[in-house]
C-alpha atoms as a PDB file:
ATOM      1  CA  MET A   1       0.000   0.000   0.000  1.00  0.00           C
ATOM      2  CA  ALA A   2       1.602   3.257  -1.052  1.00  0.00           C
ATOM      3  CA  SER A   3      -0.461   6.402  -1.034  1.00  0.00           C
ATOM      4  CA  ARG A   4       1.293   9.751  -1.081  1.00  0.00           C
ATOM      5  CA  PRO A   5       2.826  10.450   2.359  1.00  0.00           C
ATOM      6  CA  GLN A   6       0.471  12.034   4.916  1.00  0.00           C
ATOM      7  CA  ASN A   7       1.176  14.710   7.503  1.00  0.00           C
ATOM      8  CA  SER A   8       0.812  12.668  10.667  1.00  0.00           C
ATOM      9  CA  ARG A   9       0.917   8.905  10.844  1.00  0.00           C
ATOM     10  CA  ALA A  10      -0.277   8.897  14.459  1.00  0.00           C
ATOM     11  CA  ARG A  11      -3.259  11.107  13.629  1.00  0.00           C
ATOM     12  CA  THR A  12      -4.175   8.904  10.671  1.00  0.00           C
ATOM     13  CA  ARG A  13      -4.142   5.803  12.868  1.00  0.00           C
ATOM     14  CA  GLU A  14      -6.253   7.541  15.519  1.00  0.00           C
ATOM     15  CA  LEU A  15      -8.933   8.450  12.993  1.00  0.00           C
ATOM     16  CA  ALA A  16      -8.778   5.009  11.386  1.00  0.00           C
ATOM     17  CA  GLU A  17      -9.380   3.353  14.753  1.00  0.00           C
ATOM     18  CA  LEU A  18     -12.322   5.679  15.396  1.00  0.00           C
ATOM     19  CA  SER A  19     -13.887   4.573  12.119  1.00  0.00           C
ATOM     20  CA  ALA A  20     -13.163   0.902  12.865  1.00  0.00           C
ATOM     21  CA  LEU A  21     -14.862   1.218  16.254  1.00  0.00           C
ATOM     22  CA  ALA A  22     -17.942   2.650  14.544  1.00  0.00           C
ATOM     23  CA  ASP A  23     -18.274  -0.203  12.041  1.00  0.00           C
ATOM     24  CA  GLY A  24     -17.287  -3.008  14.422  1.00  0.00           C
ATOM     25  CA  THR A  25     -13.952  -3.974  12.860  1.00  0.00           C
ATOM     26  CA  LEU A  26     -11.681  -2.632  15.607  1.00  0.00           C
ATOM     27  CA  ASP A  27      -9.448  -5.132  17.424  1.00  0.00           C
ATOM     28  CA  PRO A  28     -11.226  -5.787  20.767  1.00  0.00           C
ATOM     29  CA  ALA A  29      -7.933  -5.285  22.593  1.00  0.00           C
ATOM     30  CA  ARG A  30      -7.803  -1.691  21.328  1.00  0.00           C
ATOM     31  CA  ARG A  31     -11.422  -0.842  22.170  1.00  0.00           C
ATOM     32  CA  PRO A  32     -10.984   0.457  25.772  1.00  0.00           C
ATOM     33  CA  GLU A  33      -8.177   2.851  24.831  1.00  0.00           C
ATOM     34  CA  VAL A  34      -9.980   4.163  21.742  1.00  0.00           C
ATOM     35  CA  GLU A  35     -13.237   4.651  23.656  1.00  0.00           C
ATOM     36  CA  ALA A  36     -11.348   6.555  26.362  1.00  0.00           C
ATOM     37  CA  ARG A  37      -9.781   8.910  23.783  1.00  0.00           C
ATOM     38  CA  ILE A  38     -13.174   9.578  22.225  1.00  0.00           C
ATOM     39  CA  ALA A  39     -14.768  10.271  25.600  1.00  0.00           C
ATOM     40  CA  ALA A  40     -12.018  12.778  26.439  1.00  0.00           C
ATOM     41  CA  SER A  41     -12.306  14.724  23.177  1.00  0.00           C
ATOM     42  CA  PRO A  42     -15.429  16.631  22.057  1.00  0.00           C
ATOM     43  CA  GLU A  43     -14.040  16.700  18.513  1.00  0.00           C
ATOM     44  CA  LEU A  44     -13.547  12.934  18.368  1.00  0.00           C
ATOM     45  CA  SER A  45     -16.936  12.355  20.017  1.00  0.00           C
ATOM     46  CA  ALA A  46     -18.670  14.374  17.316  1.00  0.00           C
ATOM     47  CA  LEU A  47     -16.786  12.575  14.550  1.00  0.00           C
ATOM     48  CA  TYR A  48     -17.585   9.207  16.072  1.00  0.00           C
ATOM     49  CA  GLU A  49     -21.311   9.950  16.208  1.00  0.00           C
ATOM     50  CA  ARG A  50     -21.306  11.025  12.564  1.00  0.00           C
ATOM     51  CA  GLU A  51     -19.442   7.880  11.570  1.00  0.00           C
ATOM     52  CA  ARG A  52     -21.968   5.742  13.442  1.00  0.00           C
ATOM     53  CA  ARG A  53     -24.826   7.411  11.581  1.00  0.00           C
ATOM     54  CA  VAL A  54     -23.175   6.668   8.233  1.00  0.00           C
ATOM     55  CA  VAL A  55     -22.576   3.042   9.216  1.00  0.00           C
ATOM     56  CA  GLY A  56     -26.178   2.705  10.354  1.00  0.00           C
ATOM     57  CA  ALA A  57     -27.449   4.089   7.047  1.00  0.00           C
ATOM     58  CA  LEU A  58     -25.305   1.640   5.087  1.00  0.00           C
ATOM     59  CA  HIS A  59     -26.568  -1.273   7.167  1.00  0.00           C
ATOM     60  CA  GLN A  60     -30.157  -0.250   6.477  1.00  0.00           C
ATOM     61  CA  ALA A  61     -29.391  -0.148   2.767  1.00  0.00           C
ATOM     62  CA  ARG A  62     -27.946  -3.654   2.838  1.00  0.00           C
ATOM     63  CA  ALA A  63     -30.972  -5.021   4.701  1.00  0.00           C
ATOM     64  CA  ARG A  64     -33.600  -3.910   2.148  1.00  0.00           C
ATOM     65  CA  ASP A  65     -34.624  -6.447  -0.501  1.00  0.00           C
ATOM     66  CA  ARG A  66     -35.082  -3.717  -3.107  1.00  0.00           C
ATOM     67  CA  ALA A  67     -31.407  -2.760  -2.980  1.00  0.00           C
ATOM     68  CA  PRO A  68     -29.539  -5.047  -5.429  1.00  0.00           C
ATOM     69  CA  GLU A  69     -26.048  -6.308  -4.689  1.00  0.00           C
ATOM     70  CA  GLY A  70     -24.478  -3.953  -7.223  1.00  0.00           C
ATOM     71  CA  LEU A  71     -26.170  -0.957  -5.613  1.00  0.00           C
ATOM     72  CA  ARG A  72     -25.058  -1.975  -2.135  1.00  0.00           C
ATOM     73  CA  ALA A  73     -21.489  -2.263  -3.426  1.00  0.00           C
ATOM     74  CA  ARG A  74     -21.650   1.253  -4.863  1.00  0.00           C
ATOM     75  CA  LEU A  75     -23.084   2.665  -1.642  1.00  0.00           C
ATOM     76  CA  GLU A  76     -20.279   1.045   0.333  1.00  0.00           C
ATOM     77  CA  SER A  77     -17.697   2.382  -2.103  1.00  0.00           C
ATOM     78  CA  ALA A  78     -19.124   5.886  -1.707  1.00  0.00           C
ATOM     79  CA  ARG A  79     -17.893   5.849   1.867  1.00  0.00           C
ATOM     80  CA  PRO A  80     -14.314   7.216   1.810  1.00  0.00           C
ATOM     81  CA  ALA A  81     -11.438   4.922   2.736  1.00  0.00           C
ATOM     82  CA  ARG A  82     -11.037   4.723   6.502  1.00  0.00           C
ATOM     83  CA  THR A  83      -7.659   6.454   6.573  1.00  0.00           C
ATOM     84  CA  VAL A  84      -8.964   9.557   4.800  1.00  0.00           C
ATOM     85  CA  ALA A  85     -12.681   9.665   5.592  1.00  0.00           C
ATOM     86  CA  VAL A  86     -12.535  11.461   8.923  1.00  0.00           C
ATOM     87  CA  ARG A  87      -9.936  13.966   7.710  1.00  0.00           C
ATOM     88  CA  ARG A  88     -12.391  14.950   4.980  1.00  0.00           C
ATOM     89  CA  ARG A  89     -15.130  15.429   7.530  1.00  0.00           C
ATOM     90  CA  LEU A  90     -12.896  17.709   9.548  1.00  0.00           C
ATOM     91  CA  ASN A  91     -12.594  19.972   6.523  1.00  0.00           C
ATOM     92  CA  ALA A  92     -16.252  19.729   5.551  1.00  0.00           C
ATOM     93  CA  GLY A  93     -17.677  20.375   8.997  1.00  0.00           C
ATOM     94  CA  GLY A  94     -19.665  17.141   8.971  1.00  0.00           C
ATOM     95  CA  ALA A  95     -21.547  17.897   5.755  1.00  0.00           C
ATOM     96  CA  VAL A  96     -20.079  14.866   3.973  1.00  0.00           C
ATOM     97  CA  ALA A  97     -21.331  12.419   6.596  1.00  0.00           C
ATOM     98  CA  GLY A  98     -24.825  13.891   6.679  1.00  0.00           C
ATOM     99  CA  ALA A  99     -25.144  14.025   2.919  1.00  0.00           C
ATOM    100  CA  LEU A 100     -23.898  10.453   2.525  1.00  0.00           C
ATOM    101  CA  ALA A 101     -26.384   9.102   5.075  1.00  0.00           C
ATOM    102  CA  ALA A 102     -29.264  10.869   3.337  1.00  0.00           C
ATOM    103  CA  ALA A 103     -28.146   9.728  -0.111  1.00  0.00           C
ATOM    104  CA  VAL A 104     -27.868   6.114   1.013  1.00  0.00           C
ATOM    105  CA  LEU A 105     -31.461   5.987   2.197  1.00  0.00           C
ATOM    106  CA  ALA A 106     -32.759   7.857  -0.852  1.00  0.00           C
ATOM    107  CA  LEU A 107     -30.993   5.615  -3.364  1.00  0.00           C
ATOM    108  CA  VAL A 108     -32.388   2.456  -1.783  1.00  0.00           C
ATOM    109  CA  PHE A 109     -35.908   3.538  -2.712  1.00  0.00           C
ATOM    110  CA  VAL A 110     -35.396   5.101  -6.124  1.00  0.00           C
ATOM    111  CA  LEU A 111     -32.890   2.938  -8.014  1.00  0.00           C
ATOM    112  CA  PRO A 112     -34.255  -0.088  -9.900  1.00  0.00           C
ATOM    113  CA  SER A 113     -33.509  -3.572  -8.623  1.00  0.00           C
ATOM    114  CA  GLY A 114     -31.976  -4.507 -11.969  1.00  0.00           C
ATOM    115  CA  ALA A 115     -28.968  -2.193 -11.616  1.00  0.00           C
ATOM    116  CA  PRO A 116     -25.890  -4.060 -12.938  1.00  0.00           C
ATOM    117  CA  GLY A 117     -23.368  -5.419 -10.438  1.00  0.00           C
ATOM    118  CA  ALA A 118     -19.714  -4.458 -10.211  1.00  0.00           C
ATOM    119  CA  PRO A 119     -16.878  -6.862 -11.057  1.00  0.00           C
ATOM    120  CA  SER A 120     -15.673  -9.025  -8.199  1.00  0.00           C
ATOM    121  CA  VAL A 121     -12.342  -9.117  -6.395  1.00  0.00           C
ATOM    122  CA  SER A 122     -11.833 -12.615  -7.828  1.00  0.00           C
ATOM    123  CA  GLU A 123     -12.170 -11.215 -11.352  1.00  0.00           C
ATOM    124  CA  ALA A 124      -9.619  -8.541 -10.510  1.00  0.00           C
ATOM    125  CA  ALA A 125      -7.206 -11.141  -9.127  1.00  0.00           C
ATOM    126  CA  ALA A 126      -7.618 -13.235 -12.292  1.00  0.00           C
ATOM    127  CA  LEU A 127      -6.140 -10.408 -14.371  1.00  0.00           C
ATOM    128  CA  ALA A 128      -2.735 -11.305 -12.919  1.00  0.00           C
ATOM    129  CA  LEU A 129      -2.819 -14.629 -14.783  1.00  0.00           C
ATOM    130  CA  ARG A 130      -2.514 -12.772 -18.104  1.00  0.00           C
ATOM    131  CA  GLY A 131       1.107 -11.880 -17.307  1.00  0.00           C
ATOM    132  CA  PRO A 132       3.111  -8.689 -17.888  1.00  0.00           C
ATOM    133  CA  ALA A 133       2.493  -6.754 -21.113  1.00  0.00           C
ATOM    134  CA  GLN A 134       4.524  -3.650 -20.271  1.00  0.00           C
ATOM    135  CA  PRO A 135       7.877  -2.867 -18.631  1.00  0.00           C
ATOM    136  CA  ALA A 136       7.974  -2.351 -14.888  1.00  0.00           C
ATOM    137  CA  PRO A 137       7.297   1.242 -13.779  1.00  0.00           C
ATOM    138  CA  ALA A 138      10.369   3.260 -12.844  1.00  0.00           C
ATOM    139  CA  PRO A 139      10.820   4.588  -9.290  1.00  0.00           C
ATOM    140  CA  ASP A 140       8.828   7.728  -8.572  1.00  0.00           C
ATOM    141  CA  PRO A 141      11.061  10.828  -8.959  1.00  0.00           C
ATOM    142  CA  THR A 142       9.723  12.378  -5.740  1.00  0.00           C
ATOM    143  CA  HIS A 143       9.980   9.310  -3.482  1.00  0.00           C
ATOM    144  CA  PRO A 144      12.136   6.786  -5.402  1.00  0.00           C
ATOM    145  CA  GLN A 145      12.828   4.554  -2.392  1.00  0.00           C
ATOM    146  CA  ALA A 146       9.136   4.281  -1.474  1.00  0.00           C
ATOM    147  CA  THR A 147       6.910   4.402  -4.560  1.00  0.00           C
ATOM    148  CA  LEU A 148       6.912   3.648  -8.262  1.00  0.00           C
ATOM    149  CA  HIS A 149       5.984   6.142 -10.976  1.00  0.00           C
ATOM    150  CA  GLN A 150       2.618   4.456 -11.532  1.00  0.00           C
ATOM    151  CA  SER A 151      -0.696   5.085  -9.820  1.00  0.00           C
ATOM    152  CA  VAL A 152      -4.444   4.554 -10.034  1.00  0.00           C
ATOM    153  CA  GLY A 153      -6.212   7.614  -8.691  1.00  0.00           C
ATOM    154  CA  GLU A 154      -4.397   8.666  -5.524  1.00  0.00           C
ATOM    155  CA  VAL A 155      -2.886   5.236  -4.852  1.00  0.00           C
ATOM    156  CA  TYR A 156       0.731   4.720  -5.950  1.00  0.00           C
ATOM    157  CA  PHE A 157       2.361   1.344  -6.375  1.00  0.00           C
ATOM    158  CA  PRO A 158       5.073   0.702  -3.773  1.00  0.00           C
ATOM    159  CA  ASN A 159       8.768   0.289  -4.461  1.00  0.00           C
ATOM    160  CA  TRP A 160       9.570  -2.675  -2.208  1.00  0.00           C
ATOM    161  CA  THR A 161      13.094  -3.294  -3.514  1.00  0.00           C
ATOM    162  CA  SER A 162      14.955  -1.893  -0.510  1.00  0.00           C
ATOM    163  CA  SER A 163      12.327  -2.548   2.169  1.00  0.00           C
ATOM    164  CA  PHE A 164      11.365  -6.176   1.382  1.00  0.00           C
ATOM    165  CA  GLY A 165      13.452  -7.268  -1.606  1.00  0.00           C
ATOM    166  CA  TRP A 166      10.473  -7.555  -3.946  1.00  0.00           C
ATOM    167  CA  ARG A 167      11.473  -5.924  -7.256  1.00  0.00           C
ATOM    168  CA  ALA A 168       8.991  -4.712  -9.884  1.00  0.00           C
ATOM    169  CA  VAL A 169       9.538  -6.717 -13.090  1.00  0.00           C
ATOM    170  CA  GLY A 170       6.567  -5.906 -15.320  1.00  0.00           C
ATOM    171  CA  ALA A 171       3.088  -4.448 -15.581  1.00  0.00           C
ATOM    172  CA  ARG A 172      -0.167  -4.541 -17.512  1.00  0.00           C
ATOM    173  CA  THR A 173      -3.271  -2.341 -17.865  1.00  0.00           C
ATOM    174  CA  ASP A 174      -6.780  -3.740 -18.392  1.00  0.00           C
ATOM    175  CA  ARG A 175     -10.408  -2.641 -18.483  1.00  0.00           C
ATOM    176  CA  LEU A 176     -12.631  -4.559 -16.086  1.00  0.00           C
ATOM    177  CA  ARG A 177     -16.274  -3.784 -16.847  1.00  0.00           C
ATOM    178  CA  GLY A 178     -15.738  -0.048 -16.937  1.00  0.00           C
ATOM    179  CA  HIS A 179     -12.958   0.036 -14.330  1.00  0.00           C
ATOM    180  CA  ARG A 180      -9.324   0.764 -15.085  1.00  0.00           C
ATOM    181  CA  ALA A 181      -7.158  -1.980 -13.597  1.00  0.00           C
ATOM    182  CA  VAL A 182      -3.372  -1.721 -13.412  1.00  0.00           C
ATOM    183  CA  THR A 183      -1.245  -4.681 -12.311  1.00  0.00           C
ATOM    184  CA  VAL A 184       2.420  -4.535 -11.340  1.00  0.00           C
ATOM    185  CA  TYR A 185       4.373  -7.782 -10.977  1.00  0.00           C
ATOM    186  CA  TYR A 186       7.111  -8.195  -8.353  1.00  0.00           C
ATOM    187  CA  GLU A 187       9.689 -10.962  -7.974  1.00  0.00           C
ATOM    188  CA  TRP A 188      11.962 -12.090  -5.147  1.00  0.00           C
ATOM    189  CA  GLN A 189      13.885 -15.331  -4.681  1.00  0.00           C
ATOM    190  CA  GLY A 190      12.184 -16.979  -7.645  1.00  0.00           C
ATOM    191  CA  ARG A 191       8.654 -16.136  -6.482  1.00  0.00           C
ATOM    192  CA  ARG A 192       6.228 -13.711  -8.085  1.00  0.00           C
ATOM    193  CA  ILE A 193       3.329 -11.659  -6.738  1.00  0.00           C
ATOM    194  CA  ALA A 194       0.861  -9.477  -8.603  1.00  0.00           C
ATOM    195  CA  TYR A 195      -0.466  -6.192  -7.221  1.00  0.00           C
ATOM    196  CA  THR A 196      -3.621  -4.983  -8.989  1.00  0.00           C
ATOM    197  CA  ILE A 197      -5.302  -1.646  -8.290  1.00  0.00           C
ATOM    198  CA  VAL A 198      -8.844  -1.250  -9.649  1.00  0.00           C
ATOM    199  CA  SER A 199     -10.225   2.257 -10.107  1.00  0.00           C
ATOM    200  CA  ALA A 200     -13.185   3.610  -8.119  1.00  0.00           C
ATOM    201  CA  PRO A 201     -15.915   2.959  -7.306  1.00  0.00           C
ATOM    202  CA  ALA A 202     -14.586   0.273  -4.979  1.00  0.00           C
ATOM    203  CA  LEU A 203     -15.505  -3.340  -5.657  1.00  0.00           C
ATOM    204  CA  ALA A 204     -17.792  -5.237  -3.306  1.00  0.00           C
ATOM    205  CA  LEU A 205     -16.016  -6.705  -0.301  1.00  0.00           C
ATOM    206  CA  PRO A 206     -15.759 -10.509  -0.568  1.00  0.00           C
ATOM    207  CA  ALA A 207     -16.937 -12.895   2.123  1.00  0.00           C
ATOM    208  CA  ALA A 208     -13.486 -13.699   3.481  1.00  0.00           C
ATOM    209  CA  HIS A 209     -11.331 -13.796   6.605  1.00  0.00           C
ATOM    210  CA  ARG A 210     -10.832 -10.252   7.865  1.00  0.00           C
ATOM    211  CA  THR A 211      -7.627  -9.012   9.508  1.00  0.00           C
ATOM    212  CA  TRP A 212      -6.859  -5.581  10.931  1.00  0.00           C
ATOM    213  CA  LEU A 213      -3.153  -4.824  10.395  1.00  0.00           C
ATOM    214  CA  GLY A 214      -1.283  -1.519  10.577  1.00  0.00           C
ATOM    215  CA  GLY A 215      -4.464   0.528  10.357  1.00  0.00           C
ATOM    216  CA  THR A 216      -5.745  -1.361   7.299  1.00  0.00           C
ATOM    217  CA  ALA A 217      -8.710  -3.757   7.110  1.00  0.00           C
ATOM    218  CA  LEU A 218      -7.553  -6.722   4.999  1.00  0.00           C
ATOM    219  CA  ARG A 219      -9.597  -9.602   3.601  1.00  0.00           C
ATOM    220  CA  THR A 220      -7.831 -12.844   2.694  1.00  0.00           C
ATOM    221  CA  LEU A 221      -9.243 -15.570   0.443  1.00  0.00           C
ATOM    222  CA  THR A 222      -8.298 -18.167  -2.166  1.00  0.00           C
ATOM    223  CA  SER A 223      -9.415 -17.764  -5.772  1.00  0.00           C
ATOM    224  CA  ASP A 224      -8.555 -20.181  -8.611  1.00  0.00           C
ATOM    225  CA  GLY A 225      -5.701 -21.617  -6.577  1.00  0.00           C
ATOM    226  CA  ARG A 226      -4.171 -18.208  -5.818  1.00  0.00           C
ATOM    227  CA  LEU A 227      -3.963 -16.612  -2.405  1.00  0.00           C
ATOM    228  CA  VAL A 228      -5.583 -13.169  -2.501  1.00  0.00           C
ATOM    229  CA  VAL A 229      -5.421 -10.259  -0.047  1.00  0.00           C
ATOM    230  CA  THR A 230      -7.651  -7.272  -0.777  1.00  0.00           C
ATOM    231  CA  TRP A 231      -8.335  -3.900   0.839  1.00  0.00           C
ATOM    232  CA  ARG A 232      -9.536  -0.413  -0.048  1.00  0.00           C
ATOM    233  CA  GLU A 233      -7.368   2.656  -0.316  1.00  0.00           C
ATOM    234  CA  SER A 234      -8.609   6.168  -1.164  1.00  0.00           C
ATOM    235  CA  GLY A 235     -11.671   4.771  -2.936  1.00  0.00           C
ATOM    236  CA  GLU A 236      -9.752   2.274  -5.084  1.00  0.00           C
ATOM    237  CA  THR A 237      -9.648  -1.519  -4.630  1.00  0.00           C
ATOM    238  CA  CYS A 238      -6.215  -3.072  -4.051  1.00  0.00           C
ATOM    239  CA  VAL A 239      -5.595  -6.778  -4.707  1.00  0.00           C
ATOM    240  CA  LEU A 240      -2.413  -8.732  -3.963  1.00  0.00           C
ATOM    241  CA  SER A 241      -2.306 -12.286  -5.296  1.00  0.00           C
ATOM    242  CA  ALA A 242       0.271 -15.064  -5.529  1.00  0.00           C
ATOM    243  CA  THR A 243       1.037 -18.747  -5.273  1.00  0.00           C
ATOM    244  CA  GLY A 244       3.783 -20.058  -3.032  1.00  0.00           C
ATOM    245  CA  VAL A 245       3.613 -16.999  -0.751  1.00  0.00           C
ATOM    246  CA  SER A 246       2.123 -17.168   2.738  1.00  0.00           C
ATOM    247  CA  ALA A 247      -0.905 -15.170   3.849  1.00  0.00           C
ATOM    248  CA  ALA A 248       1.196 -13.505   6.540  1.00  0.00           C
ATOM    249  CA  GLU A 249       3.700 -12.278   3.961  1.00  0.00           C
ATOM    250  CA  LEU A 250       1.039 -10.914   1.612  1.00  0.00           C
ATOM    251  CA  GLN A 251      -0.718  -9.218   4.522  1.00  0.00           C
ATOM    252  CA  LYS A 252       2.543  -7.616   5.641  1.00  0.00           C
ATOM    253  CA  LEU A 253       3.057  -6.188   2.168  1.00  0.00           C
ATOM    254  CA  ALA A 254      -0.548  -4.996   1.981  1.00  0.00           C
ATOM    255  CA  ALA A 255      -0.260  -3.147   5.291  1.00  0.00           C
ATOM    256  CA  TRP A 256       3.056  -1.506   4.394  1.00  0.00           C
ATOM    257  CA  SER A 257       3.107   2.281   4.405  1.00  0.00           C
ATOM    258  CA  VAL A 258       5.645   4.863   3.303  1.00  0.00           C
ATOM    259  CA  PRO A 259       8.555   4.955   5.808  1.00  0.00           C
ATOM    260  CA  ALA A 260       8.887   8.118   7.869  1.00  0.00           C
ATOM    261  CA  GLY A 261      12.310   8.831   6.355  1.00  0.00           C
ATOM    262  CA  ALA A 262      10.808   8.981   2.868  1.00  0.00           C
ATOM    263  CA  ARG A 263       8.347  11.763   3.732  1.00  0.00           C
END
């Protein structure tokens, strides 16, 4: 995971944990400390209540028979990625959260049940099987040790050469039912992984094992014999897939963030 560096890593984690508490994905061991911080801060208390209202609206949307699966996926994708959502609300004075909650409930009633569904994470992971069609992206001129000069939206592909040994060796670009999908291939010690970023709106979250690591909610599954780890970043869908690589290793790569020295 390699978005452009943010101002404060600690602040980002604090806001991410607030959002995770609201939607029930926070590690239970972290709950008492996070609840105490919220109780001690009027600002965090207000943000938490807004986040809970958005989560409640999304849950109502999912529960209604008239809301097709594709619509529910788009409503979920309309909610900003956890690491940036609350920062946006700080700037918007809460207007984003209120507008999103209202839009969710309105769309459930007015959109037809035949709205087409979005592609799946498994379809995105399958793109990796097509193999590289382009050279590997060069290191990013601004942060060459941390990111590559290739992005989808605001999400940049990581340069893992110095941090983990995984070296970018090729790439490809595809269209996936209206989405732009870019895949970068990495190799290390004879093994290969594929990192695919699919453009917004975010794909539906798969029914899979969920792990909270480094401030990122990861879902891990197997698709067509490949191990897949997926998460959302700044509205895009990120998919790491491989064979012969452990879930722990893929999850570590997925949760990686730009080192402090590269900011």
